[in-house]
Amino acid sequence: MEKGYLIVIAVLILIILVLAAYLFFYKMQLRLLIKQLQLIEGEDTNIGLSSTFEAKEFTEIILIVNKIIRKHRNIEIKLKKVNRSFKESITSISHDIRTPLTSVRGYIQLLGREESISKKQQEYIKVIENRFEAVSKMLNQLFEYARIEAGELVLEKEPVAVQNVLCEVLSSFYHQFTERKEEPTISLPEEMICIEGDYNAFSRVIENILNNALRHGIEEYAISLQKEGNMCKIRVANRTDSIEEYDLDRIFERFYTTDKSRNKKGTGLGLAIAKKLVEQMEGEISASLEEQIFTIELRFQCV
C-alpha cells in the first residue's frame, strides 16, 4: 500500500510540474504577445504576431489578430493614397486658378485707369477690386496650406527675435485696429527673447492669429509676450461673440468655421496653417475661452 501511495504522490507531483511548466510557458507567450502588440502600436511596421508556444488557443488568437492588423494596414494605405491624391489635386487646382486670376487683376487695373468711365463705374470697379482681393487671399491660403500638407514648404531654422516680429506684424495691422477705433493692449518685455524658427513662417503665424482675432473679436484686444524659465509664451486675446466652448476642439481644423461666423468671409484655414507652421518649428499652440475672452497661446523653446 505504501508503494502505491508513493506512486500516486509521484504522479501528482509530475502532473503539478507539467502544469507549472505549461503555465510558465503560457505566461511567457502572453508577455511576448503584449510586447509585439506594443511594438505594432508604437511603430509603423509590417511585423505580425508570432508564437513560440504551440497551443490551439494562441494559434487561433494570433490568426484573428493578424487578420485584423492586415485589414487595418490596407485601410491605412488606401487612406494615405487618397489623402496624397487630395493634396496634389488641391495644389494643382490652386496653381491653375491663380494664373488666370493674375491676368484678371491686370485687366481690372487697366480698366480703372480709363478716363472715359463714369464715377458710378469707378465705384463698381472698386467693388470688383475688393471682391477680387478677398478671393485672392482665400486662394493664397488654400495654396499655402496645400504646400504645407504636401511637404513642399521647407523652413529655415535660425534665431528669431520675437519682439521684432510682433512689432513688425502689429504695425501692418495698425489701420485695421484704428478703423474699429480699438487700441490693443501690448505687453512686451525689455529683454530680447529669441526662438529658433523661420522668420517668415513665424510672421505668418502671428498674421493669421491677428486676422482671426479681428474677424471674430469685438473688443479688448491684448497681445503679450513673456518668458517663463526657458519657455517663450505669446498670447493673443480678444472678446468674442462668435466662438463657443464646443468650438475649441476643432478651432485648428482645416476649413472649420464656427456656427456664428459663417456669414464672415474666410476659408477656415488661417489657424490650421498657423498650427502646421508652429509644429514645424517645434512649438505648441492652444486655444482657450473664458468669460467670452478667446485666447490663443504659442509656446516655444528660447535660444
C-alpha atoms as a PDB file:
ATOM      1  CA  MET A   1       0.000   0.000   0.000  1.00  0.00           C
ATOM      2  CA  GLU A   2       2.804   2.359   0.906  1.00  0.00           C
ATOM      3  CA  LYS A   3       4.371   1.767  -2.509  1.00  0.00           C
ATOM      4  CA  GLY A   4       1.029   2.560  -4.158  1.00  0.00           C
ATOM      5  CA  TYR A   5       0.787   5.846  -2.231  1.00  0.00           C
ATOM      6  CA  LEU A   6       4.289   6.779  -3.331  1.00  0.00           C
ATOM      7  CA  ILE A   7       3.377   6.123  -6.948  1.00  0.00           C
ATOM      8  CA  VAL A   8       0.231   8.271  -6.634  1.00  0.00           C
ATOM      9  CA  ILE A   9       2.226  11.078  -4.973  1.00  0.00           C
ATOM     10  CA  ALA A  10       4.911  10.831  -7.676  1.00  0.00           C
ATOM     11  CA  VAL A  11       2.253  11.023 -10.400  1.00  0.00           C
ATOM     12  CA  LEU A  12       0.630  14.036  -8.705  1.00  0.00           C
ATOM     13  CA  ILE A  13       3.987  15.768  -8.396  1.00  0.00           C
ATOM     14  CA  LEU A  14       4.667  15.068 -12.070  1.00  0.00           C
ATOM     15  CA  ILE A  15       1.257  16.468 -13.054  1.00  0.00           C
ATOM     16  CA  ILE A  16       1.876  19.580 -10.938  1.00  0.00           C
ATOM     17  CA  LEU A  17       5.302  20.056 -12.552  1.00  0.00           C
ATOM     18  CA  VAL A  18       3.824  19.672 -16.040  1.00  0.00           C
ATOM     19  CA  LEU A  19       1.042  22.145 -15.226  1.00  0.00           C
ATOM     20  CA  ALA A  20       3.552  24.571 -13.708  1.00  0.00           C
ATOM     21  CA  ALA A  21       5.734  24.323 -16.816  1.00  0.00           C
ATOM     22  CA  TYR A  22       2.687  24.756 -19.034  1.00  0.00           C
ATOM     23  CA  LEU A  23       1.615  27.837 -17.016  1.00  0.00           C
ATOM     24  CA  PHE A  24       5.163  29.236 -17.162  1.00  0.00           C
ATOM     25  CA  PHE A  25       5.300  28.946 -20.969  1.00  0.00           C
ATOM     26  CA  TYR A  26       1.740  30.271 -21.168  1.00  0.00           C
ATOM     27  CA  LYS A  27       2.750  33.429 -19.272  1.00  0.00           C
ATOM     28  CA  MET A  28       5.909  33.788 -21.361  1.00  0.00           C
ATOM     29  CA  GLN A  29       3.837  33.668 -24.543  1.00  0.00           C
ATOM     30  CA  LEU A  30       1.404  36.259 -23.147  1.00  0.00           C
ATOM     31  CA  ARG A  31       4.298  38.595 -22.333  1.00  0.00           C
ATOM     32  CA  LEU A  32       5.692  38.079 -25.847  1.00  0.00           C
ATOM     33  CA  LEU A  33       2.321  38.887 -27.404  1.00  0.00           C
ATOM     34  CA  ILE A  34       1.998  42.040 -25.267  1.00  0.00           C
ATOM     35  CA  LYS A  35       5.471  43.221 -26.365  1.00  0.00           C
ATOM     36  CA  GLN A  36       4.647  42.527 -30.010  1.00  0.00           C
ATOM     37  CA  LEU A  37       1.365  44.429 -29.745  1.00  0.00           C
ATOM     38  CA  GLN A  38       3.142  47.385 -28.102  1.00  0.00           C
ATOM     39  CA  LEU A  39       5.697  47.386 -30.928  1.00  0.00           C
ATOM     40  CA  ILE A  40       2.964  47.285 -33.579  1.00  0.00           C
ATOM     41  CA  GLU A  41       1.049  50.093 -31.841  1.00  0.00           C
ATOM     42  CA  GLY A  42       4.077  52.357 -31.410  1.00  0.00           C
ATOM     43  CA  GLU A  43       5.840  51.873 -34.756  1.00  0.00           C
ATOM     44  CA  ASP A  44       4.984  51.745 -38.438  1.00  0.00           C
ATOM     45  CA  THR A  45       5.912  48.117 -39.000  1.00  0.00           C
ATOM     46  CA  ASN A  46       4.737  45.219 -41.150  1.00  0.00           C
ATOM     47  CA  ILE A  47       5.511  42.670 -38.429  1.00  0.00           C
ATOM     48  CA  GLY A  48       2.604  40.486 -37.286  1.00  0.00           C
ATOM     49  CA  LEU A  49       2.145  38.460 -34.133  1.00  0.00           C
ATOM     50  CA  SER A  50       4.102  35.225 -33.765  1.00  0.00           C
ATOM     51  CA  SER A  51       4.143  32.386 -31.238  1.00  0.00           C
ATOM     52  CA  THR A  52       6.871  30.230 -29.713  1.00  0.00           C
ATOM     53  CA  PHE A  53       4.359  28.146 -27.780  1.00  0.00           C
ATOM     54  CA  GLU A  54       2.267  25.650 -29.696  1.00  0.00           C
ATOM     55  CA  ALA A  55      -1.227  25.934 -28.240  1.00  0.00           C
ATOM     56  CA  LYS A  56      -4.504  25.894 -30.107  1.00  0.00           C
ATOM     57  CA  GLU A  57      -5.872  28.931 -28.256  1.00  0.00           C
ATOM     58  CA  PHE A  58      -2.806  31.065 -29.021  1.00  0.00           C
ATOM     59  CA  THR A  59      -2.751  29.978 -32.651  1.00  0.00           C
ATOM     60  CA  GLU A  60      -6.408  30.978 -33.132  1.00  0.00           C
ATOM     61  CA  ILE A  61      -5.924  34.341 -31.370  1.00  0.00           C
ATOM     62  CA  ILE A  62      -2.802  35.131 -33.421  1.00  0.00           C
ATOM     63  CA  LEU A  63      -4.535  34.272 -36.700  1.00  0.00           C
ATOM     64  CA  ILE A  64      -7.513  36.528 -35.883  1.00  0.00           C
ATOM     65  CA  VAL A  65      -5.377  39.446 -34.640  1.00  0.00           C
ATOM     66  CA  ASN A  66      -3.011  39.231 -37.651  1.00  0.00           C
ATOM     67  CA  LYS A  67      -6.025  39.293 -39.944  1.00  0.00           C
ATOM     68  CA  ILE A  68      -7.299  42.457 -38.213  1.00  0.00           C
ATOM     69  CA  ILE A  69      -3.813  44.044 -38.425  1.00  0.00           C
ATOM     70  CA  ARG A  70      -3.562  43.327 -42.164  1.00  0.00           C
ATOM     71  CA  LYS A  71      -7.049  44.753 -42.735  1.00  0.00           C
ATOM     72  CA  HIS A  72      -6.166  47.888 -40.758  1.00  0.00           C
ATOM     73  CA  ARG A  73      -2.922  48.351 -42.706  1.00  0.00           C
ATOM     74  CA  ASN A  74      -4.713  48.024 -46.043  1.00  0.00           C
ATOM     75  CA  ILE A  75      -7.247  50.673 -44.967  1.00  0.00           C
ATOM     76  CA  GLU A  76      -4.406  52.920 -43.776  1.00  0.00           C
ATOM     77  CA  ILE A  77      -2.541  52.550 -47.087  1.00  0.00           C
ATOM     78  CA  LYS A  78      -5.713  53.417 -49.038  1.00  0.00           C
ATOM     79  CA  LEU A  79      -6.352  56.463 -46.838  1.00  0.00           C
ATOM     80  CA  LYS A  80      -2.775  57.682 -47.346  1.00  0.00           C
ATOM     81  CA  LYS A  81      -3.153  57.338 -51.114  1.00  0.00           C
ATOM     82  CA  VAL A  82      -6.469  59.213 -51.092  1.00  0.00           C
ATOM     83  CA  ASN A  83      -5.023  61.928 -48.836  1.00  0.00           C
ATOM     84  CA  ARG A  84      -1.936  62.307 -51.030  1.00  0.00           C
ATOM     85  CA  SER A  85      -4.117  62.485 -54.143  1.00  0.00           C
ATOM     86  CA  PHE A  86      -6.314  65.120 -52.450  1.00  0.00           C
ATOM     87  CA  LYS A  87      -3.287  67.254 -51.528  1.00  0.00           C
ATOM     88  CA  GLU A  88      -1.870  67.018 -55.037  1.00  0.00           C
ATOM     89  CA  SER A  89      -5.251  67.938 -56.544  1.00  0.00           C
ATOM     90  CA  ILE A  90      -5.641  70.972 -54.264  1.00  0.00           C
ATOM     91  CA  THR A  91      -2.120  72.159 -55.109  1.00  0.00           C
ATOM     92  CA  SER A  92      -2.725  71.707 -58.829  1.00  0.00           C
ATOM     93  CA  ILE A  93      -6.156  73.386 -58.799  1.00  0.00           C
ATOM     94  CA  SER A  94      -4.863  76.307 -56.721  1.00  0.00           C
ATOM     95  CA  HIS A  95      -1.983  76.837 -59.127  1.00  0.00           C
ATOM     96  CA  ASP A  96      -4.241  76.609 -62.195  1.00  0.00           C
ATOM     97  CA  ILE A  97      -6.696  79.158 -60.779  1.00  0.00           C
ATOM     98  CA  ARG A  98      -4.013  81.638 -59.717  1.00  0.00           C
ATOM     99  CA  THR A  99      -2.684  82.066 -63.276  1.00  0.00           C
ATOM    100  CA  PRO A 100      -5.913  83.408 -64.876  1.00  0.00           C
ATOM    101  CA  LEU A 101      -6.666  85.462 -61.760  1.00  0.00           C
ATOM    102  CA  THR A 102      -3.385  87.300 -62.203  1.00  0.00           C
ATOM    103  CA  SER A 103      -4.498  88.255 -65.740  1.00  0.00           C
ATOM    104  CA  VAL A 104      -7.908  89.381 -64.437  1.00  0.00           C
ATOM    105  CA  ARG A 105      -6.198  91.613 -61.867  1.00  0.00           C
ATOM    106  CA  GLY A 106      -4.228  93.304 -64.653  1.00  0.00           C
ATOM    107  CA  TYR A 107      -7.345  93.986 -66.750  1.00  0.00           C
ATOM    108  CA  ILE A 108      -9.203  95.401 -63.718  1.00  0.00           C
ATOM    109  CA  GLN A 109      -6.310  97.784 -63.029  1.00  0.00           C
ATOM    110  CA  LEU A 110      -6.207  98.884 -66.671  1.00  0.00           C
ATOM    111  CA  LEU A 111      -9.968  99.463 -66.655  1.00  0.00           C
ATOM    112  CA  GLY A 112      -9.665 101.591 -63.528  1.00  0.00           C
ATOM    113  CA  ARG A 113      -7.199 103.904 -65.288  1.00  0.00           C
ATOM    114  CA  GLU A 114      -9.595 104.710 -68.122  1.00  0.00           C
ATOM    115  CA  GLU A 115     -10.545 108.399 -68.081  1.00  0.00           C
ATOM    116  CA  SER A 116     -13.792 107.883 -70.001  1.00  0.00           C
ATOM    117  CA  ILE A 117     -15.542 105.846 -67.287  1.00  0.00           C
ATOM    118  CA  SER A 118     -18.118 107.488 -65.048  1.00  0.00           C
ATOM    119  CA  LYS A 119     -17.943 107.911 -61.288  1.00  0.00           C
ATOM    120  CA  LYS A 120     -20.530 105.148 -60.858  1.00  0.00           C
ATOM    121  CA  GLN A 121     -18.446 102.794 -62.986  1.00  0.00           C
ATOM    122  CA  GLN A 122     -15.388 103.628 -60.860  1.00  0.00           C
ATOM    123  CA  GLU A 123     -17.381 102.601 -57.783  1.00  0.00           C
ATOM    124  CA  TYR A 124     -18.260  99.296 -59.452  1.00  0.00           C
ATOM    125  CA  ILE A 125     -14.603  98.740 -60.324  1.00  0.00           C
ATOM    126  CA  LYS A 126     -13.650  99.412 -56.681  1.00  0.00           C
ATOM    127  CA  VAL A 127     -16.190  96.816 -55.534  1.00  0.00           C
ATOM    128  CA  ILE A 128     -14.787  94.322 -58.082  1.00  0.00           C
ATOM    129  CA  GLU A 129     -11.242  95.004 -56.840  1.00  0.00           C
ATOM    130  CA  ASN A 130     -12.283  94.429 -53.209  1.00  0.00           C
ATOM    131  CA  ARG A 131     -14.047  91.164 -54.085  1.00  0.00           C
ATOM    132  CA  PHE A 132     -11.076  90.121 -56.186  1.00  0.00           C
ATOM    133  CA  GLU A 133      -8.661  90.765 -53.306  1.00  0.00           C
ATOM    134  CA  ALA A 134     -10.848  88.691 -50.977  1.00  0.00           C
ATOM    135  CA  VAL A 135     -10.866  85.770 -53.443  1.00  0.00           C
ATOM    136  CA  SER A 136      -7.093  86.091 -53.953  1.00  0.00           C
ATOM    137  CA  LYS A 137      -6.468  85.941 -50.196  1.00  0.00           C
ATOM    138  CA  MET A 138      -8.626  82.825 -49.858  1.00  0.00           C
ATOM    139  CA  LEU A 139      -6.885  81.164 -52.778  1.00  0.00           C
ATOM    140  CA  ASN A 140      -3.442  82.053 -51.435  1.00  0.00           C
ATOM    141  CA  GLN A 141      -4.360  80.493 -48.100  1.00  0.00           C
ATOM    142  CA  LEU A 142      -5.565  77.348 -49.850  1.00  0.00           C
ATOM    143  CA  PHE A 143      -2.366  77.160 -51.912  1.00  0.00           C
ATOM    144  CA  GLU A 144      -0.206  77.764 -48.839  1.00  0.00           C
ATOM    145  CA  TYR A 145      -1.982  75.050 -46.846  1.00  0.00           C
ATOM    146  CA  ALA A 146      -1.703  72.594 -49.753  1.00  0.00           C
ATOM    147  CA  ARG A 147       2.059  73.266 -49.972  1.00  0.00           C
ATOM    148  CA  ILE A 148       2.495  72.692 -46.232  1.00  0.00           C
ATOM    149  CA  GLU A 149       0.462  69.462 -46.324  1.00  0.00           C
ATOM    150  CA  ALA A 150       2.417  68.215 -49.342  1.00  0.00           C
ATOM    151  CA  GLY A 151       5.712  68.895 -47.528  1.00  0.00           C
ATOM    152  CA  GLU A 152       6.802  71.420 -50.153  1.00  0.00           C
ATOM    153  CA  LEU A 153       7.329  74.263 -47.675  1.00  0.00           C
ATOM    154  CA  VAL A 154      10.796  73.891 -46.164  1.00  0.00           C
ATOM    155  CA  LEU A 155      11.522  76.136 -43.175  1.00  0.00           C
ATOM    156  CA  GLU A 156      14.903  77.660 -42.407  1.00  0.00           C
ATOM    157  CA  LYS A 157      15.933  77.285 -38.770  1.00  0.00           C
ATOM    158  CA  GLU A 158      17.574  80.420 -37.361  1.00  0.00           C
ATOM    159  CA  PRO A 159      17.341  82.605 -34.228  1.00  0.00           C
ATOM    160  CA  VAL A 160      14.228  84.799 -34.484  1.00  0.00           C
ATOM    161  CA  ALA A 161      13.783  87.889 -32.293  1.00  0.00           C
ATOM    162  CA  VAL A 162      10.178  87.564 -31.131  1.00  0.00           C
ATOM    163  CA  GLN A 163       9.678  91.252 -30.208  1.00  0.00           C
ATOM    164  CA  ASN A 164      10.833  92.371 -33.663  1.00  0.00           C
ATOM    165  CA  VAL A 165       8.342  90.098 -35.414  1.00  0.00           C
ATOM    166  CA  LEU A 166       5.472  91.123 -33.131  1.00  0.00           C
ATOM    167  CA  CYS A 167       6.162  94.843 -33.623  1.00  0.00           C
ATOM    168  CA  GLU A 168       6.525  94.479 -37.391  1.00  0.00           C
ATOM    169  CA  VAL A 169       3.315  92.470 -37.819  1.00  0.00           C
ATOM    170  CA  LEU A 170       1.332  94.646 -35.397  1.00  0.00           C
ATOM    171  CA  SER A 171       2.328  97.780 -37.315  1.00  0.00           C
ATOM    172  CA  SER A 172       0.895  96.244 -40.501  1.00  0.00           C
ATOM    173  CA  PHE A 173      -2.466  95.876 -38.687  1.00  0.00           C
ATOM    174  CA  TYR A 174      -2.483  99.478 -37.429  1.00  0.00           C
ATOM    175  CA  HIS A 175      -5.160 100.711 -39.862  1.00  0.00           C
ATOM    176  CA  GLN A 176      -7.445  97.743 -39.207  1.00  0.00           C
ATOM    177  CA  PHE A 177      -7.419  98.468 -35.479  1.00  0.00           C
ATOM    178  CA  THR A 178      -7.897 102.229 -35.944  1.00  0.00           C
ATOM    179  CA  GLU A 179     -10.848 101.629 -38.299  1.00  0.00           C
ATOM    180  CA  ARG A 180     -12.520  99.778 -35.420  1.00  0.00           C
ATOM    181  CA  LYS A 181     -11.454 102.528 -33.014  1.00  0.00           C
ATOM    182  CA  GLU A 182      -9.648  99.889 -30.994  1.00  0.00           C
ATOM    183  CA  GLU A 183      -6.215 100.143 -29.433  1.00  0.00           C
ATOM    184  CA  PRO A 184      -4.823  96.739 -28.457  1.00  0.00           C
ATOM    185  CA  THR A 185      -3.068  96.319 -25.124  1.00  0.00           C
ATOM    186  CA  ILE A 186       0.511  95.299 -25.895  1.00  0.00           C
ATOM    187  CA  SER A 187       2.853  93.902 -23.231  1.00  0.00           C
ATOM    188  CA  LEU A 188       6.439  93.146 -24.314  1.00  0.00           C
ATOM    189  CA  PRO A 189       9.447  92.660 -22.002  1.00  0.00           C
ATOM    190  CA  GLU A 190      12.565  94.808 -22.411  1.00  0.00           C
ATOM    191  CA  GLU A 191      14.792  91.737 -22.544  1.00  0.00           C
ATOM    192  CA  MET A 192      15.052  90.463 -26.123  1.00  0.00           C
ATOM    193  CA  ILE A 193      13.579  86.975 -26.460  1.00  0.00           C
ATOM    194  CA  CYS A 194      14.709  84.705 -29.287  1.00  0.00           C
ATOM    195  CA  ILE A 195      13.425  81.385 -30.526  1.00  0.00           C
ATOM    196  CA  GLU A 196      14.736  79.012 -33.172  1.00  0.00           C
ATOM    197  CA  GLY A 197      12.464  79.085 -36.181  1.00  0.00           C
ATOM    198  CA  ASP A 198      11.770  80.533 -39.594  1.00  0.00           C
ATOM    199  CA  TYR A 199      11.269  84.331 -39.654  1.00  0.00           C
ATOM    200  CA  ASN A 200       8.705  84.327 -42.481  1.00  0.00           C
ATOM    201  CA  ALA A 201       6.805  81.352 -41.079  1.00  0.00           C
ATOM    202  CA  PHE A 202       6.672  82.895 -37.594  1.00  0.00           C
ATOM    203  CA  SER A 203       5.453  86.188 -39.098  1.00  0.00           C
ATOM    204  CA  ARG A 204       2.744  84.268 -40.970  1.00  0.00           C
ATOM    205  CA  VAL A 205       1.625  82.590 -37.724  1.00  0.00           C
ATOM    206  CA  ILE A 206       1.205  85.964 -35.970  1.00  0.00           C
ATOM    207  CA  GLU A 207      -0.564  87.446 -39.021  1.00  0.00           C
ATOM    208  CA  ASN A 208      -3.055  84.584 -39.168  1.00  0.00           C
ATOM    209  CA  ILE A 209      -3.778  84.790 -35.440  1.00  0.00           C
ATOM    210  CA  LEU A 210      -4.341  88.560 -35.614  1.00  0.00           C
ATOM    211  CA  ASN A 211      -6.548  88.157 -38.686  1.00  0.00           C
ATOM    212  CA  ASN A 212      -8.590  85.623 -36.748  1.00  0.00           C
ATOM    213  CA  ALA A 213      -8.800  87.998 -33.774  1.00  0.00           C
ATOM    214  CA  LEU A 214     -10.088  90.829 -35.984  1.00  0.00           C
ATOM    215  CA  ARG A 215     -12.564  88.535 -37.756  1.00  0.00           C
ATOM    216  CA  HIS A 216     -14.047  87.058 -34.584  1.00  0.00           C
ATOM    217  CA  GLY A 217     -13.205  89.680 -31.966  1.00  0.00           C
ATOM    218  CA  ILE A 218     -15.290  92.672 -30.934  1.00  0.00           C
ATOM    219  CA  GLU A 219     -13.097  94.447 -28.344  1.00  0.00           C
ATOM    220  CA  GLU A 220     -10.480  94.075 -25.572  1.00  0.00           C
ATOM    221  CA  TYR A 221      -7.637  93.043 -27.866  1.00  0.00           C
ATOM    222  CA  ALA A 222      -4.474  92.122 -25.983  1.00  0.00           C
ATOM    223  CA  ILE A 223      -1.085  90.855 -27.137  1.00  0.00           C
ATOM    224  CA  SER A 224       1.522  89.772 -24.594  1.00  0.00           C
ATOM    225  CA  LEU A 225       4.929  88.130 -24.551  1.00  0.00           C
ATOM    226  CA  GLN A 226       6.659  86.662 -21.542  1.00  0.00           C
ATOM    227  CA  LYS A 227       9.479  84.319 -20.694  1.00  0.00           C
ATOM    228  CA  GLU A 228       8.899  81.563 -18.145  1.00  0.00           C
ATOM    229  CA  GLY A 229      12.058  79.606 -17.427  1.00  0.00           C
ATOM    230  CA  ASN A 230      13.356  78.559 -20.813  1.00  0.00           C
ATOM    231  CA  MET A 231       9.956  78.906 -22.496  1.00  0.00           C
ATOM    232  CA  CYS A 232       8.648  81.808 -24.547  1.00  0.00           C
ATOM    233  CA  LYS A 233       4.861  82.385 -24.320  1.00  0.00           C
ATOM    234  CA  ILE A 234       2.917  84.597 -26.704  1.00  0.00           C
ATOM    235  CA  ARG A 235      -0.778  85.280 -26.069  1.00  0.00           C
ATOM    236  CA  VAL A 236      -3.277  86.972 -28.353  1.00  0.00           C
ATOM    237  CA  ALA A 237      -6.642  87.568 -26.659  1.00  0.00           C
ATOM    238  CA  ASN A 238      -9.903  89.309 -27.539  1.00  0.00           C
ATOM    239  CA  ARG A 239     -13.537  89.395 -26.515  1.00  0.00           C
ATOM    240  CA  THR A 240     -15.691  87.433 -28.943  1.00  0.00           C
ATOM    241  CA  ASP A 241     -19.353  86.791 -29.622  1.00  0.00           C
ATOM    242  CA  SER A 242     -18.884  84.123 -32.314  1.00  0.00           C
ATOM    243  CA  ILE A 243     -16.814  81.424 -30.570  1.00  0.00           C
ATOM    244  CA  GLU A 244     -18.248  78.944 -28.077  1.00  0.00           C
ATOM    245  CA  GLU A 245     -16.643  76.381 -25.770  1.00  0.00           C
ATOM    246  CA  TYR A 246     -17.512  73.485 -28.105  1.00  0.00           C
ATOM    247  CA  ASP A 247     -15.578  75.173 -30.946  1.00  0.00           C
ATOM    248  CA  LEU A 248     -12.237  74.833 -29.138  1.00  0.00           C
ATOM    249  CA  ASP A 249     -11.717  71.163 -30.012  1.00  0.00           C
ATOM    250  CA  ARG A 250     -11.964  71.945 -33.735  1.00  0.00           C
ATOM    251  CA  ILE A 251     -10.664  75.515 -33.915  1.00  0.00           C
ATOM    252  CA  PHE A 252      -7.384  74.448 -35.604  1.00  0.00           C
ATOM    253  CA  GLU A 253      -9.011  72.061 -38.100  1.00  0.00           C
ATOM    254  CA  ARG A 254      -8.808  72.920 -41.793  1.00  0.00           C
ATOM    255  CA  PHE A 255     -11.938  74.551 -43.263  1.00  0.00           C
ATOM    256  CA  TYR A 256     -13.572  74.770 -39.833  1.00  0.00           C
ATOM    257  CA  THR A 257     -15.717  77.849 -39.208  1.00  0.00           C
ATOM    258  CA  THR A 258     -17.865  78.415 -36.143  1.00  0.00           C
ATOM    259  CA  ASP A 259     -21.656  78.354 -36.464  1.00  0.00           C
ATOM    260  CA  LYS A 260     -21.936  82.047 -35.593  1.00  0.00           C
ATOM    261  CA  SER A 261     -19.228  83.201 -38.030  1.00  0.00           C
ATOM    262  CA  ARG A 262     -20.285  81.509 -41.265  1.00  0.00           C
ATOM    263  CA  ASN A 263     -21.510  84.815 -42.655  1.00  0.00           C
ATOM    264  CA  LYS A 264     -17.980  86.226 -42.239  1.00  0.00           C
ATOM    265  CA  LYS A 265     -15.852  85.572 -45.293  1.00  0.00           C
ATOM    266  CA  GLY A 266     -12.958  83.179 -44.644  1.00  0.00           C
ATOM    267  CA  THR A 267     -11.563  79.817 -45.638  1.00  0.00           C
ATOM    268  CA  GLY A 268     -11.227  78.344 -42.167  1.00  0.00           C
ATOM    269  CA  LEU A 269      -7.534  77.774 -42.979  1.00  0.00           C
ATOM    270  CA  GLY A 270      -5.812  80.612 -41.104  1.00  0.00           C
ATOM    271  CA  LEU A 271      -5.460  78.851 -37.753  1.00  0.00           C
ATOM    272  CA  ALA A 272      -4.896  75.464 -39.425  1.00  0.00           C
ATOM    273  CA  ILE A 273      -1.902  76.970 -41.263  1.00  0.00           C
ATOM    274  CA  ALA A 274      -0.688  78.587 -38.029  1.00  0.00           C
ATOM    275  CA  LYS A 275      -0.819  75.235 -36.222  1.00  0.00           C
ATOM    276  CA  LYS A 276       1.092  73.443 -39.009  1.00  0.00           C
ATOM    277  CA  LEU A 277       3.819  76.106 -39.064  1.00  0.00           C
ATOM    278  CA  VAL A 278       4.128  76.196 -35.259  1.00  0.00           C
ATOM    279  CA  GLU A 279       4.523  72.423 -35.137  1.00  0.00           C
ATOM    280  CA  GLN A 280       7.147  72.511 -37.905  1.00  0.00           C
ATOM    281  CA  MET A 281       9.097  74.968 -35.736  1.00  0.00           C
ATOM    282  CA  GLU A 282       8.722  72.527 -32.794  1.00  0.00           C
ATOM    283  CA  GLY A 283       6.410  74.841 -30.881  1.00  0.00           C
ATOM    284  CA  GLU A 284       2.957  74.395 -29.346  1.00  0.00           C
ATOM    285  CA  ILE A 285      -0.303  76.235 -29.957  1.00  0.00           C
ATOM    286  CA  SER A 286      -3.527  76.096 -27.947  1.00  0.00           C
ATOM    287  CA  ALA A 287      -6.819  77.956 -27.611  1.00  0.00           C
ATOM    288  CA  SER A 288      -8.987  78.743 -24.604  1.00  0.00           C
ATOM    289  CA  LEU A 289     -12.212  80.616 -23.853  1.00  0.00           C
ATOM    290  CA  GLU A 290     -13.059  82.151 -20.500  1.00  0.00           C
ATOM    291  CA  GLU A 291     -15.982  84.526 -19.984  1.00  0.00           C
ATOM    292  CA  GLN A 292     -16.058  85.165 -23.757  1.00  0.00           C
ATOM    293  CA  ILE A 293     -12.362  86.114 -23.831  1.00  0.00           C
ATOM    294  CA  PHE A 294     -10.820  83.964 -26.554  1.00  0.00           C
ATOM    295  CA  THR A 295      -7.063  83.398 -26.205  1.00  0.00           C
ATOM    296  CA  ILE A 296      -4.530  81.740 -28.463  1.00  0.00           C
ATOM    297  CA  GLU A 297      -1.243  80.853 -26.790  1.00  0.00           C
ATOM    298  CA  LEU A 298       2.038  79.976 -28.514  1.00  0.00           C
ATOM    299  CA  ARG A 299       4.890  78.261 -26.677  1.00  0.00           C
ATOM    300  CA  PHE A 300       8.445  77.959 -27.962  1.00  0.00           C
ATOM    301  CA  GLN A 301      11.794  76.978 -26.511  1.00  0.00           C
ATOM    302  CA  CYS A 302      14.036  80.022 -26.065  1.00  0.00           C
ATOM    303  CA  VAL A 303      17.560  80.123 -27.505  1.00  0.00           C
END
